[in-house]
Amino acid sequence: MEADPRSVQILCERALAGEDLSRDDVVKLLGLKDLRNLEILRQAAEEGLRRWVGQSVDVMFMLSISSFCVHNCLYCDFRASNSSLERFRLTPEQIISSINELSTLPHGSVVLDGAQDPNLDVEFLAEIFEALKDSNPPILSLGERQKDFYEKLRSYGVDRYILEHKTASPILYNELHPERDYFDRIQSIKTLLGLGFNVGTSVTVGLPQQDLWDLTDDFLQIRELGLDTVIVGPFIPGQKSPLSESPRGSIQATLNAIAVARLMLKDARIPGGLAMSILDSGSTVEALRWGADCVVCDVKSHEPKTNTKSVSPMCDSISTRIRSMGRKLGRSESLSHN
């Protein structure tokens, strides 16, 4: 049975007072459906955002640089066995050009987002970072790598890495990633932290066989590890993946999760994931009313309709909507708000 509004209010007030919510508390908040309770949760997350982060909104430009991958994740169209996919890999020159164009915009940070592509090695990246040595390096999201790869990135000045995790359940993780191991993933996150990286990860809402306890454990693990960023989005399987017929995650459940993430993780950077905009084009901005402090823009330089030339008008539109909410766009220099 769902908690009554007074109980929900008390839970939210405890979180706003700085108390770490228990596993049972988090499950209760994630499972809210009554409109009165949802509004209490939303307002609490918005107040937490105001207290711990402020009203500025960052833009994260997710620059896709490769669709080659050695893995066969059950939900992903980039999986190695998908022979029908027309794949791409940007050249270092194309990546440098795209970063320079995105850097002319007055707000935002650039993420180089690639699948687990072995050709995106340190030699490939060296040319990029040599050209960018006089500017802030981009955030990287290039999958799970060996320690010496991460060490080389640190020598290039890179201190921000996003290693998407999807779920803290070892059973779910291993089922979704048949050629990988949950504990290897956790060790990679710990290796990055040990090398001084600000580390981000992801939480996916609505995974097959996921329940509220699994989702709760995702946020508890992120809190325990002290990660700086959590990208929260609904489950949307690739159209050519084995899970293509699986139900998608819901927007409301994702908004609940974003609100709970804010109350649990305080000053972490919390963007609404790109998958939200697939279900509802306005949901990534709506997420700002539920505790998010960042908007993600997908930049596919290899596609004419979504290349870097199209980003400026996209940002103008987002900026207008953000200002109408009484918020402002602003650049953050690191994944951490500390």
C-alpha atoms as a PDB file:
ATOM      1  CA  MET A   1       0.000   0.000   0.000  1.00  0.00           C
ATOM      2  CA  GLU A   2       1.273   3.467  -0.916  1.00  0.00           C
ATOM      3  CA  ALA A   3       2.260   5.775   1.938  1.00  0.00           C
ATOM      4  CA  ASP A   4      -0.094   8.607   2.894  1.00  0.00           C
ATOM      5  CA  PRO A   5       0.898  12.217   1.991  1.00  0.00           C
ATOM      6  CA  ARG A   6       1.916  13.069   5.553  1.00  0.00           C
ATOM      7  CA  SER A   7       4.341  10.144   5.682  1.00  0.00           C
ATOM      8  CA  VAL A   8       5.798  11.126   2.304  1.00  0.00           C
ATOM      9  CA  GLN A   9       6.224  14.715   3.525  1.00  0.00           C
ATOM     10  CA  ILE A  10       8.102  13.511   6.592  1.00  0.00           C
ATOM     11  CA  LEU A  11      10.406  11.316   4.496  1.00  0.00           C
ATOM     12  CA  CYS A  12      11.204  14.225   2.183  1.00  0.00           C
ATOM     13  CA  GLU A  13      11.823  16.595   5.097  1.00  0.00           C
ATOM     14  CA  ARG A  14      14.248  14.105   6.616  1.00  0.00           C
ATOM     15  CA  ALA A  15      16.157  13.945   3.339  1.00  0.00           C
ATOM     16  CA  LEU A  16      16.209  17.744   3.023  1.00  0.00           C
ATOM     17  CA  ALA A  17      17.588  17.930   6.574  1.00  0.00           C
ATOM     18  CA  GLY A  18      20.562  15.876   5.357  1.00  0.00           C
ATOM     19  CA  GLU A  19      19.555  12.465   6.671  1.00  0.00           C
ATOM     20  CA  ASP A  20      20.557   9.432   4.602  1.00  0.00           C
ATOM     21  CA  LEU A  21      17.352   7.616   3.707  1.00  0.00           C
ATOM     22  CA  SER A  22      17.178   3.871   4.318  1.00  0.00           C
ATOM     23  CA  ARG A  23      16.563   1.226   1.666  1.00  0.00           C
ATOM     24  CA  ASP A  24      12.918   0.922   2.741  1.00  0.00           C
ATOM     25  CA  ASP A  25      12.496   4.716   2.582  1.00  0.00           C
ATOM     26  CA  VAL A  26      13.863   4.887  -0.956  1.00  0.00           C
ATOM     27  CA  VAL A  27      11.622   2.060  -2.176  1.00  0.00           C
ATOM     28  CA  LYS A  28       8.588   3.941  -0.835  1.00  0.00           C
ATOM     29  CA  LEU A  29       9.527   7.115  -2.713  1.00  0.00           C
ATOM     30  CA  LEU A  30      10.366   5.360  -5.979  1.00  0.00           C
ATOM     31  CA  GLY A  31       6.986   3.585  -5.949  1.00  0.00           C
ATOM     32  CA  LEU A  32       4.813   6.680  -5.502  1.00  0.00           C
ATOM     33  CA  LYS A  33       1.853   7.000  -7.899  1.00  0.00           C
ATOM     34  CA  ASP A  34      -0.723   9.174  -6.101  1.00  0.00           C
ATOM     35  CA  LEU A  35      -0.672  12.659  -7.627  1.00  0.00           C
ATOM     36  CA  ARG A  36      -0.541  14.368  -4.229  1.00  0.00           C
ATOM     37  CA  ASN A  37       2.452  12.298  -3.203  1.00  0.00           C
ATOM     38  CA  LEU A  38       4.191  12.879  -6.531  1.00  0.00           C
ATOM     39  CA  GLU A  39       3.869  16.635  -6.111  1.00  0.00           C
ATOM     40  CA  ILE A  40       5.319  16.438  -2.581  1.00  0.00           C
ATOM     41  CA  LEU A  41       8.280  14.465  -3.957  1.00  0.00           C
ATOM     42  CA  ARG A  42       8.760  16.864  -6.867  1.00  0.00           C
ATOM     43  CA  GLN A  43       8.710  19.943  -4.657  1.00  0.00           C
ATOM     44  CA  ALA A  44      11.167  18.361  -2.229  1.00  0.00           C
ATOM     45  CA  ALA A  45      13.596  17.524  -5.063  1.00  0.00           C
ATOM     46  CA  GLU A  46      13.270  21.064  -6.424  1.00  0.00           C
ATOM     47  CA  GLU A  47      14.012  22.478  -2.963  1.00  0.00           C
ATOM     48  CA  GLY A  48      16.994  20.144  -2.607  1.00  0.00           C
ATOM     49  CA  LEU A  49      18.317  21.342  -5.946  1.00  0.00           C
ATOM     50  CA  ARG A  50      17.980  24.974  -4.825  1.00  0.00           C
ATOM     51  CA  ARG A  51      19.802  24.290  -1.550  1.00  0.00           C
ATOM     52  CA  TRP A  52      22.597  22.037  -2.730  1.00  0.00           C
ATOM     53  CA  VAL A  53      23.249  23.062  -6.333  1.00  0.00           C
ATOM     54  CA  GLY A  54      21.520  26.320  -7.221  1.00  0.00           C
ATOM     55  CA  GLN A  55      19.451  27.386 -10.211  1.00  0.00           C
ATOM     56  CA  SER A  56      22.028  27.165 -13.010  1.00  0.00           C
ATOM     57  CA  VAL A  57      21.528  24.504 -15.677  1.00  0.00           C
ATOM     58  CA  ASP A  58      24.457  22.937 -17.506  1.00  0.00           C
ATOM     59  CA  VAL A  59      24.255  21.471 -21.004  1.00  0.00           C
ATOM     60  CA  MET A  60      26.078  18.233 -21.712  1.00  0.00           C
ATOM     61  CA  PHE A  61      26.878  17.824 -25.420  1.00  0.00           C
ATOM     62  CA  MET A  62      27.064  14.077 -26.045  1.00  0.00           C
ATOM     63  CA  LEU A  63      29.267  13.786 -29.156  1.00  0.00           C
ATOM     64  CA  SER A  64      28.963  10.304 -30.700  1.00  0.00           C
ATOM     65  CA  ILE A  65      32.368   9.334 -32.103  1.00  0.00           C
ATOM     66  CA  SER A  66      32.002   5.604 -32.866  1.00  0.00           C
ATOM     67  CA  SER A  67      29.407   2.867 -33.231  1.00  0.00           C
ATOM     68  CA  PHE A  68      31.902  -0.020 -33.383  1.00  0.00           C
ATOM     69  CA  CYS A  69      31.736  -2.320 -30.368  1.00  0.00           C
ATOM     70  CA  VAL A  70      33.227  -5.663 -29.345  1.00  0.00           C
ATOM     71  CA  HIS A  71      30.384  -6.556 -26.959  1.00  0.00           C
ATOM     72  CA  ASN A  72      26.904  -8.018 -27.409  1.00  0.00           C
ATOM     73  CA  CYS A  73      24.755  -6.288 -24.801  1.00  0.00           C
ATOM     74  CA  LEU A  74      21.203  -7.574 -25.194  1.00  0.00           C
ATOM     75  CA  TYR A  75      19.558  -4.137 -25.377  1.00  0.00           C
ATOM     76  CA  CYS A  76      21.950  -2.333 -27.741  1.00  0.00           C
ATOM     77  CA  ASP A  77      21.923  -1.862 -31.529  1.00  0.00           C
ATOM     78  CA  PHE A  78      25.688  -1.265 -31.491  1.00  0.00           C
ATOM     79  CA  ARG A  79      26.232  -4.887 -30.421  1.00  0.00           C
ATOM     80  CA  ALA A  80      29.009  -6.616 -32.379  1.00  0.00           C
ATOM     81  CA  SER A  81      26.707  -9.232 -33.936  1.00  0.00           C
ATOM     82  CA  ASN A  82      24.365  -6.646 -35.492  1.00  0.00           C
ATOM     83  CA  SER A  83      25.509  -7.032 -39.098  1.00  0.00           C
ATOM     84  CA  SER A  84      22.733  -4.772 -40.443  1.00  0.00           C
ATOM     85  CA  LEU A  85      24.099  -1.645 -38.724  1.00  0.00           C
ATOM     86  CA  GLU A  86      25.921   0.893 -40.893  1.00  0.00           C
ATOM     87  CA  ARG A  87      28.772   1.797 -38.560  1.00  0.00           C
ATOM     88  CA  PHE A  88      30.852   4.952 -38.263  1.00  0.00           C
ATOM     89  CA  ARG A  89      33.979   6.172 -36.524  1.00  0.00           C
ATOM     90  CA  LEU A  90      34.944   9.838 -36.605  1.00  0.00           C
ATOM     91  CA  THR A  91      38.536  10.711 -37.445  1.00  0.00           C
ATOM     92  CA  PRO A  92      40.631  12.690 -34.939  1.00  0.00           C
ATOM     93  CA  GLU A  93      40.319  15.686 -37.279  1.00  0.00           C
ATOM     94  CA  GLN A  94      36.524  15.444 -37.261  1.00  0.00           C
ATOM     95  CA  ILE A  95      36.451  15.124 -33.473  1.00  0.00           C
ATOM     96  CA  ILE A  96      38.747  18.127 -32.980  1.00  0.00           C
ATOM     97  CA  SER A  97      36.642  20.215 -35.354  1.00  0.00           C
ATOM     98  CA  SER A  98      33.418  19.236 -33.585  1.00  0.00           C
ATOM     99  CA  ILE A  99      34.837  20.003 -30.131  1.00  0.00           C
ATOM    100  CA  ASN A 100      36.083  23.396 -31.300  1.00  0.00           C
ATOM    101  CA  GLU A 101      32.666  24.248 -32.733  1.00  0.00           C
ATOM    102  CA  LEU A 102      30.836  23.152 -29.584  1.00  0.00           C
ATOM    103  CA  SER A 103      33.311  25.102 -27.424  1.00  0.00           C
ATOM    104  CA  THR A 104      32.193  28.351 -29.066  1.00  0.00           C
ATOM    105  CA  LEU A 105      28.773  27.995 -27.436  1.00  0.00           C
ATOM    106  CA  PRO A 106      28.384  30.001 -24.215  1.00  0.00           C
ATOM    107  CA  HIS A 107      27.541  27.061 -21.994  1.00  0.00           C
ATOM    108  CA  GLY A 108      28.013  23.339 -21.658  1.00  0.00           C
ATOM    109  CA  SER A 109      30.572  20.570 -21.517  1.00  0.00           C
ATOM    110  CA  VAL A 110      31.498  18.084 -24.260  1.00  0.00           C
ATOM    111  CA  VAL A 111      31.389  14.314 -23.768  1.00  0.00           C
ATOM    112  CA  LEU A 112      33.166  12.065 -26.278  1.00  0.00           C
ATOM    113  CA  ASP A 113      30.813   9.111 -26.361  1.00  0.00           C
ATOM    114  CA  GLY A 114      31.979   5.914 -28.028  1.00  0.00           C
ATOM    115  CA  ALA A 115      31.030   2.266 -27.803  1.00  0.00           C
ATOM    116  CA  GLN A 116      33.624  -0.310 -26.673  1.00  0.00           C
ATOM    117  CA  ASP A 117      35.729   0.345 -29.772  1.00  0.00           C
ATOM    118  CA  PRO A 118      39.307  -0.987 -29.453  1.00  0.00           C
ATOM    119  CA  ASN A 119      40.480   1.411 -32.166  1.00  0.00           C
ATOM    120  CA  LEU A 120      39.769   4.329 -29.839  1.00  0.00           C
ATOM    121  CA  ASP A 121      43.099   3.647 -28.142  1.00  0.00           C
ATOM    122  CA  VAL A 122      45.625   6.002 -26.550  1.00  0.00           C
ATOM    123  CA  GLU A 123      47.384   6.587 -29.865  1.00  0.00           C
ATOM    124  CA  PHE A 124      44.083   7.610 -31.485  1.00  0.00           C
ATOM    125  CA  LEU A 125      43.303   9.952 -28.603  1.00  0.00           C
ATOM    126  CA  ALA A 126      46.826  11.429 -28.408  1.00  0.00           C
ATOM    127  CA  GLU A 127      46.312  13.484 -31.571  1.00  0.00           C
ATOM    128  CA  ILE A 128      43.069  14.889 -30.202  1.00  0.00           C
ATOM    129  CA  PHE A 129      44.495  15.923 -26.838  1.00  0.00           C
ATOM    130  CA  GLU A 130      47.629  17.371 -28.401  1.00  0.00           C
ATOM    131  CA  ALA A 131      45.416  19.680 -30.499  1.00  0.00           C
ATOM    132  CA  LEU A 132      43.334  20.591 -27.439  1.00  0.00           C
ATOM    133  CA  LYS A 133      46.205  21.003 -24.954  1.00  0.00           C
ATOM    134  CA  ASP A 134      45.473  24.697 -24.390  1.00  0.00           C
ATOM    135  CA  SER A 135      41.789  24.134 -23.580  1.00  0.00           C
ATOM    136  CA  ASN A 136      39.780  22.129 -21.063  1.00  0.00           C
ATOM    137  CA  PRO A 137      39.745  18.449 -22.108  1.00  0.00           C
ATOM    138  CA  PRO A 138      36.363  16.856 -22.824  1.00  0.00           C
ATOM    139  CA  ILE A 139      34.659  14.313 -20.613  1.00  0.00           C
ATOM    140  CA  LEU A 140      35.218  10.781 -21.908  1.00  0.00           C
ATOM    141  CA  SER A 141      32.790   7.873 -22.073  1.00  0.00           C
ATOM    142  CA  LEU A 142      34.638   5.115 -23.909  1.00  0.00           C
ATOM    143  CA  GLY A 143      33.672   2.013 -21.988  1.00  0.00           C
ATOM    144  CA  GLU A 144      35.569  -0.279 -19.668  1.00  0.00           C
ATOM    145  CA  ARG A 145      39.352  -0.170 -20.163  1.00  0.00           C
ATOM    146  CA  GLN A 146      42.582  -1.308 -18.539  1.00  0.00           C
ATOM    147  CA  LYS A 147      44.266   0.742 -15.836  1.00  0.00           C
ATOM    148  CA  ASP A 148      47.140   1.847 -18.097  1.00  0.00           C
ATOM    149  CA  PHE A 149      44.590   3.368 -20.512  1.00  0.00           C
ATOM    150  CA  TYR A 150      43.084   5.435 -17.697  1.00  0.00           C
ATOM    151  CA  GLU A 151      46.581   6.423 -16.499  1.00  0.00           C
ATOM    152  CA  LYS A 152      47.444   7.701 -19.962  1.00  0.00           C
ATOM    153  CA  LEU A 153      44.268   9.772 -20.024  1.00  0.00           C
ATOM    154  CA  ARG A 154      45.324  11.375 -16.745  1.00  0.00           C
ATOM    155  CA  SER A 155      48.656  12.294 -18.339  1.00  0.00           C
ATOM    156  CA  TYR A 156      46.662  14.098 -21.057  1.00  0.00           C
ATOM    157  CA  GLY A 157      44.913  16.131 -18.367  1.00  0.00           C
ATOM    158  CA  VAL A 158      41.617  14.238 -18.506  1.00  0.00           C
ATOM    159  CA  ASP A 159      39.948  14.059 -15.097  1.00  0.00           C
ATOM    160  CA  ARG A 160      36.317  13.252 -15.968  1.00  0.00           C
ATOM    161  CA  TYR A 161      35.013   9.871 -17.130  1.00  0.00           C
ATOM    162  CA  ILE A 162      31.525   8.428 -17.472  1.00  0.00           C
ATOM    163  CA  LEU A 163      31.299   4.650 -17.181  1.00  0.00           C
ATOM    164  CA  GLU A 164      27.672   3.689 -17.645  1.00  0.00           C
ATOM    165  CA  HIS A 165      26.625   0.932 -15.326  1.00  0.00           C
ATOM    166  CA  LYS A 166      22.867   0.431 -15.949  1.00  0.00           C
ATOM    167  CA  THR A 167      22.214  -1.593 -12.772  1.00  0.00           C
ATOM    168  CA  ALA A 168      23.784  -2.469  -9.416  1.00  0.00           C
ATOM    169  CA  SER A 169      22.261  -5.967  -9.508  1.00  0.00           C
ATOM    170  CA  PRO A 170      24.968  -8.516 -10.391  1.00  0.00           C
ATOM    171  CA  ILE A 171      22.292 -10.906 -11.716  1.00  0.00           C
ATOM    172  CA  LEU A 172      20.630  -8.318 -13.950  1.00  0.00           C
ATOM    173  CA  TYR A 173      23.953  -6.910 -15.108  1.00  0.00           C
ATOM    174  CA  ASN A 174      25.357 -10.257 -16.158  1.00  0.00           C
ATOM    175  CA  GLU A 175      22.126 -11.254 -17.917  1.00  0.00           C
ATOM    176  CA  LEU A 176      22.095  -8.026 -19.950  1.00  0.00           C
ATOM    177  CA  HIS A 177      25.836  -8.172 -20.681  1.00  0.00           C
ATOM    178  CA  PRO A 178      26.548 -11.853 -21.440  1.00  0.00           C
ATOM    179  CA  GLU A 179      30.220 -11.351 -22.281  1.00  0.00           C
ATOM    180  CA  ARG A 180      31.051  -9.130 -19.316  1.00  0.00           C
ATOM    181  CA  ASP A 181      31.195  -9.371 -15.552  1.00  0.00           C
ATOM    182  CA  TYR A 182      29.537  -7.109 -12.998  1.00  0.00           C
ATOM    183  CA  PHE A 183      32.482  -7.137 -10.605  1.00  0.00           C
ATOM    184  CA  ASP A 184      34.919  -6.154 -13.383  1.00  0.00           C
ATOM    185  CA  ARG A 185      32.724  -3.117 -14.010  1.00  0.00           C
ATOM    186  CA  ILE A 186      32.754  -2.114 -10.359  1.00  0.00           C
ATOM    187  CA  GLN A 187      36.510  -2.572 -10.232  1.00  0.00           C
ATOM    188  CA  SER A 188      36.913  -0.270 -13.245  1.00  0.00           C
ATOM    189  CA  ILE A 189      34.884   2.419 -11.477  1.00  0.00           C
ATOM    190  CA  LYS A 190      37.045   2.035  -8.367  1.00  0.00           C
ATOM    191  CA  THR A 191      40.215   2.190 -10.489  1.00  0.00           C
ATOM    192  CA  LEU A 192      39.058   5.469 -12.044  1.00  0.00           C
ATOM    193  CA  LEU A 193      38.277   6.888  -8.604  1.00  0.00           C
ATOM    194  CA  GLY A 194      41.671   5.760  -7.311  1.00  0.00           C
ATOM    195  CA  LEU A 195      43.396   7.616 -10.153  1.00  0.00           C
ATOM    196  CA  GLY A 196      41.640  10.841  -9.221  1.00  0.00           C
ATOM    197  CA  PHE A 197      38.929  10.921 -11.866  1.00  0.00           C
ATOM    198  CA  ASN A 198      35.555  12.526 -11.264  1.00  0.00           C
ATOM    199  CA  VAL A 199      33.402   9.563 -12.261  1.00  0.00           C
ATOM    200  CA  GLY A 200      29.869   9.490 -13.600  1.00  0.00           C
ATOM    201  CA  THR A 201      27.595   6.552 -14.288  1.00  0.00           C
ATOM    202  CA  SER A 202      24.022   5.788 -15.359  1.00  0.00           C
ATOM    203  CA  VAL A 203      20.828   4.337 -13.930  1.00  0.00           C
ATOM    204  CA  THR A 204      18.255   2.796 -16.272  1.00  0.00           C
ATOM    205  CA  VAL A 205      14.637   2.730 -15.129  1.00  0.00           C
ATOM    206  CA  GLY A 206      12.405  -0.122 -16.302  1.00  0.00           C
ATOM    207  CA  LEU A 207      14.964  -2.777 -17.189  1.00  0.00           C
ATOM    208  CA  PRO A 208      13.499  -6.250 -17.802  1.00  0.00           C
ATOM    209  CA  GLN A 209      13.029  -8.038 -14.448  1.00  0.00           C
ATOM    210  CA  GLN A 210      14.068  -4.923 -12.499  1.00  0.00           C
ATOM    211  CA  ASP A 211      12.056  -4.154  -9.362  1.00  0.00           C
ATOM    212  CA  LEU A 212      12.058  -1.172  -6.999  1.00  0.00           C
ATOM    213  CA  TRP A 213      14.560  -2.874  -4.712  1.00  0.00           C
ATOM    214  CA  ASP A 214      17.011  -3.215  -7.620  1.00  0.00           C
ATOM    215  CA  LEU A 215      16.541   0.442  -8.516  1.00  0.00           C
ATOM    216  CA  THR A 216      17.023   1.460  -4.895  1.00  0.00           C
ATOM    217  CA  ASP A 217      20.294  -0.472  -4.736  1.00  0.00           C
ATOM    218  CA  ASP A 218      21.510   1.471  -7.805  1.00  0.00           C
ATOM    219  CA  PHE A 219      21.287   4.756  -5.920  1.00  0.00           C
ATOM    220  CA  LEU A 220      22.615   3.309  -2.672  1.00  0.00           C
ATOM    221  CA  GLN A 221      25.675   2.024  -4.518  1.00  0.00           C
ATOM    222  CA  ILE A 222      26.263   5.371  -6.227  1.00  0.00           C
ATOM    223  CA  ARG A 223      26.015   7.111  -2.859  1.00  0.00           C
ATOM    224  CA  GLU A 224      28.450   4.634  -1.306  1.00  0.00           C
ATOM    225  CA  LEU A 225      30.988   5.038  -4.127  1.00  0.00           C
ATOM    226  CA  GLY A 226      30.709   8.825  -4.050  1.00  0.00           C
ATOM    227  CA  LEU A 227      30.191   9.263  -7.796  1.00  0.00           C
ATOM    228  CA  ASP A 228      29.812  12.790  -9.139  1.00  0.00           C
ATOM    229  CA  THR A 229      27.247  12.288 -11.871  1.00  0.00           C
ATOM    230  CA  VAL A 230      24.315   9.970 -12.453  1.00  0.00           C
ATOM    231  CA  ILE A 231      22.505   9.990 -15.792  1.00  0.00           C
ATOM    232  CA  VAL A 232      18.970   8.709 -15.204  1.00  0.00           C
ATOM    233  CA  GLY A 233      16.878   7.511 -18.128  1.00  0.00           C
ATOM    234  CA  PRO A 234      14.155   5.031 -19.082  1.00  0.00           C
ATOM    235  CA  PHE A 235      14.924   1.675 -20.632  1.00  0.00           C
ATOM    236  CA  ILE A 236      14.567   1.809 -24.432  1.00  0.00           C
ATOM    237  CA  PRO A 237      15.858  -1.308 -26.223  1.00  0.00           C
ATOM    238  CA  GLY A 238      17.503  -1.045 -29.610  1.00  0.00           C
ATOM    239  CA  GLN A 239      15.249  -1.896 -32.544  1.00  0.00           C
ATOM    240  CA  LYS A 240      17.671  -4.585 -33.769  1.00  0.00           C
ATOM    241  CA  SER A 241      18.528  -5.976 -30.348  1.00  0.00           C
ATOM    242  CA  PRO A 242      17.322  -9.251 -28.767  1.00  0.00           C
ATOM    243  CA  LEU A 243      15.230  -7.199 -26.313  1.00  0.00           C
ATOM    244  CA  SER A 244      13.589  -5.064 -28.999  1.00  0.00           C
ATOM    245  CA  GLU A 245      10.073  -6.236 -28.020  1.00  0.00           C
ATOM    246  CA  SER A 246      10.549  -5.592 -24.298  1.00  0.00           C
ATOM    247  CA  PRO A 247       8.406  -2.869 -22.674  1.00  0.00           C
ATOM    248  CA  ARG A 248       9.991   0.544 -22.401  1.00  0.00           C
ATOM    249  CA  GLY A 249      10.514   2.340 -19.133  1.00  0.00           C
ATOM    250  CA  SER A 250       8.071   5.113 -18.252  1.00  0.00           C
ATOM    251  CA  ILE A 251       8.675   8.856 -18.057  1.00  0.00           C
ATOM    252  CA  GLN A 252       6.950   9.190 -14.680  1.00  0.00           C
ATOM    253  CA  ALA A 253       8.977   6.401 -13.105  1.00  0.00           C
ATOM    254  CA  THR A 254      12.117   8.095 -14.461  1.00  0.00           C
ATOM    255  CA  LEU A 255      11.086  11.472 -13.024  1.00  0.00           C
ATOM    256  CA  ASN A 256      10.494   9.764  -9.660  1.00  0.00           C
ATOM    257  CA  ALA A 257      13.996   8.306  -9.862  1.00  0.00           C
ATOM    258  CA  ILE A 258      15.545  11.687 -10.691  1.00  0.00           C
ATOM    259  CA  ALA A 259      13.792  13.260  -7.695  1.00  0.00           C
ATOM    260  CA  VAL A 260      14.936  10.469  -5.398  1.00  0.00           C
ATOM    261  CA  ALA A 261      18.480  10.743  -6.785  1.00  0.00           C
ATOM    262  CA  ARG A 262      18.527  14.432  -5.872  1.00  0.00           C
ATOM    263  CA  LEU A 263      17.334  13.782  -2.324  1.00  0.00           C
ATOM    264  CA  MET A 264      19.886  10.984  -1.866  1.00  0.00           C
ATOM    265  CA  LEU A 265      22.922  12.351  -3.728  1.00  0.00           C
ATOM    266  CA  LYS A 266      22.559  16.000  -2.729  1.00  0.00           C
ATOM    267  CA  ASP A 267      24.962  18.021  -4.940  1.00  0.00           C
ATOM    268  CA  ALA A 268      25.680  15.401  -7.618  1.00  0.00           C
ATOM    269  CA  ARG A 269      25.185  16.335 -11.229  1.00  0.00           C
ATOM    270  CA  ILE A 270      21.960  14.683 -12.380  1.00  0.00           C
ATOM    271  CA  PRO A 271      20.946  14.974 -16.038  1.00  0.00           C
ATOM    272  CA  GLY A 272      17.860  13.374 -17.469  1.00  0.00           C
ATOM    273  CA  GLY A 273      19.125  10.759 -19.933  1.00  0.00           C
ATOM    274  CA  LEU A 274      18.826  11.082 -23.705  1.00  0.00           C
ATOM    275  CA  ALA A 275      16.374   8.187 -23.764  1.00  0.00           C
ATOM    276  CA  MET A 276      13.770  10.433 -22.111  1.00  0.00           C
ATOM    277  CA  SER A 277      13.550  12.624 -25.213  1.00  0.00           C
ATOM    278  CA  ILE A 278      12.786   9.563 -27.345  1.00  0.00           C
ATOM    279  CA  LEU A 279       9.628   8.947 -25.339  1.00  0.00           C
ATOM    280  CA  ASP A 280       8.749  12.641 -24.923  1.00  0.00           C
ATOM    281  CA  SER A 281      10.679  15.499 -26.551  1.00  0.00           C
ATOM    282  CA  GLY A 282       9.995  17.823 -23.629  1.00  0.00           C
ATOM    283  CA  SER A 283      10.862  15.410 -20.839  1.00  0.00           C
ATOM    284  CA  THR A 284      14.548  16.323 -20.504  1.00  0.00           C
ATOM    285  CA  VAL A 285      13.548  19.900 -19.681  1.00  0.00           C
ATOM    286  CA  GLU A 286      10.652  18.688 -17.492  1.00  0.00           C
ATOM    287  CA  ALA A 287      13.253  16.730 -15.522  1.00  0.00           C
ATOM    288  CA  LEU A 288      14.621  20.090 -14.319  1.00  0.00           C
ATOM    289  CA  ARG A 289      11.415  20.457 -12.281  1.00  0.00           C
ATOM    290  CA  TRP A 290      12.171  17.112 -10.592  1.00  0.00           C
ATOM    291  CA  GLY A 291      15.695  17.826  -9.390  1.00  0.00           C
ATOM    292  CA  ALA A 292      17.834  17.556 -12.535  1.00  0.00           C
ATOM    293  CA  ASP A 293      20.468  20.252 -13.074  1.00  0.00           C
ATOM    294  CA  CYS A 294      21.676  19.347 -16.544  1.00  0.00           C
ATOM    295  CA  VAL A 295      20.255  18.876 -20.045  1.00  0.00           C
ATOM    296  CA  VAL A 296      21.822  16.398 -22.461  1.00  0.00           C
ATOM    297  CA  CYS A 297      22.050  17.252 -26.177  1.00  0.00           C
ATOM    298  CA  ASP A 298      22.805  14.441 -28.610  1.00  0.00           C
ATOM    299  CA  VAL A 299      25.356  15.475 -31.249  1.00  0.00           C
ATOM    300  CA  LYS A 300      25.912  13.100 -34.146  1.00  0.00           C
ATOM    301  CA  SER A 301      28.489  14.819 -36.365  1.00  0.00           C
ATOM    302  CA  HIS A 302      28.180  12.007 -38.900  1.00  0.00           C
ATOM    303  CA  GLU A 303      24.478  12.789 -39.466  1.00  0.00           C
ATOM    304  CA  PRO A 304      23.500  16.011 -41.310  1.00  0.00           C
ATOM    305  CA  LYS A 305      20.356  16.580 -39.224  1.00  0.00           C
ATOM    306  CA  THR A 306      22.100  16.378 -35.839  1.00  0.00           C
ATOM    307  CA  ASN A 307      25.624  17.637 -36.498  1.00  0.00           C
ATOM    308  CA  THR A 308      27.375  20.458 -34.663  1.00  0.00           C
ATOM    309  CA  LYS A 309      25.841  23.057 -37.008  1.00  0.00           C
ATOM    310  CA  SER A 310      22.373  22.217 -35.665  1.00  0.00           C
ATOM    311  CA  VAL A 311      23.310  22.516 -31.999  1.00  0.00           C
ATOM    312  CA  SER A 312      23.230  26.309 -31.627  1.00  0.00           C
ATOM    313  CA  PRO A 313      19.539  26.698 -32.551  1.00  0.00           C
ATOM    314  CA  MET A 314      18.780  23.640 -30.404  1.00  0.00           C
ATOM    315  CA  CYS A 315      20.441  25.366 -27.446  1.00  0.00           C
ATOM    316  CA  ASP A 316      18.545  28.587 -28.144  1.00  0.00           C
ATOM    317  CA  SER A 317      15.276  26.657 -27.892  1.00  0.00           C
ATOM    318  CA  ILE A 318      16.361  24.921 -24.677  1.00  0.00           C
ATOM    319  CA  SER A 319      17.583  28.220 -23.224  1.00  0.00           C
ATOM    320  CA  THR A 320      14.211  29.851 -23.848  1.00  0.00           C
ATOM    321  CA  ARG A 321      12.383  27.047 -22.059  1.00  0.00           C
ATOM    322  CA  ILE A 322      14.830  27.075 -19.153  1.00  0.00           C
ATOM    323  CA  ARG A 323      14.524  30.819 -18.663  1.00  0.00           C
ATOM    324  CA  SER A 324      10.741  30.508 -18.683  1.00  0.00           C
ATOM    325  CA  MET A 325      11.181  28.291 -15.605  1.00  0.00           C
ATOM    326  CA  GLY A 326      13.146  30.975 -13.790  1.00  0.00           C
ATOM    327  CA  ARG A 327      16.439  29.114 -14.311  1.00  0.00           C
ATOM    328  CA  LYS A 328      19.558  30.121 -16.213  1.00  0.00           C
ATOM    329  CA  LEU A 329      22.115  28.345 -18.325  1.00  0.00           C
ATOM    330  CA  GLY A 330      25.639  28.207 -16.989  1.00  0.00           C
ATOM    331  CA  ARG A 331      28.852  26.305 -17.576  1.00  0.00           C
ATOM    332  CA  SER A 332      30.202  23.943 -14.899  1.00  0.00           C
ATOM    333  CA  GLU A 333      33.929  23.275 -15.045  1.00  0.00           C
ATOM    334  CA  SER A 334      33.842  19.788 -13.548  1.00  0.00           C
ATOM    335  CA  LEU A 335      31.493  16.923 -12.911  1.00  0.00           C
ATOM    336  CA  SER A 336      31.430  17.872  -9.243  1.00  0.00           C
ATOM    337  CA  HIS A 337      29.612  20.825  -7.784  1.00  0.00           C
ATOM    338  CA  ASN A 338      31.926  20.841  -4.789  1.00  0.00           C
END
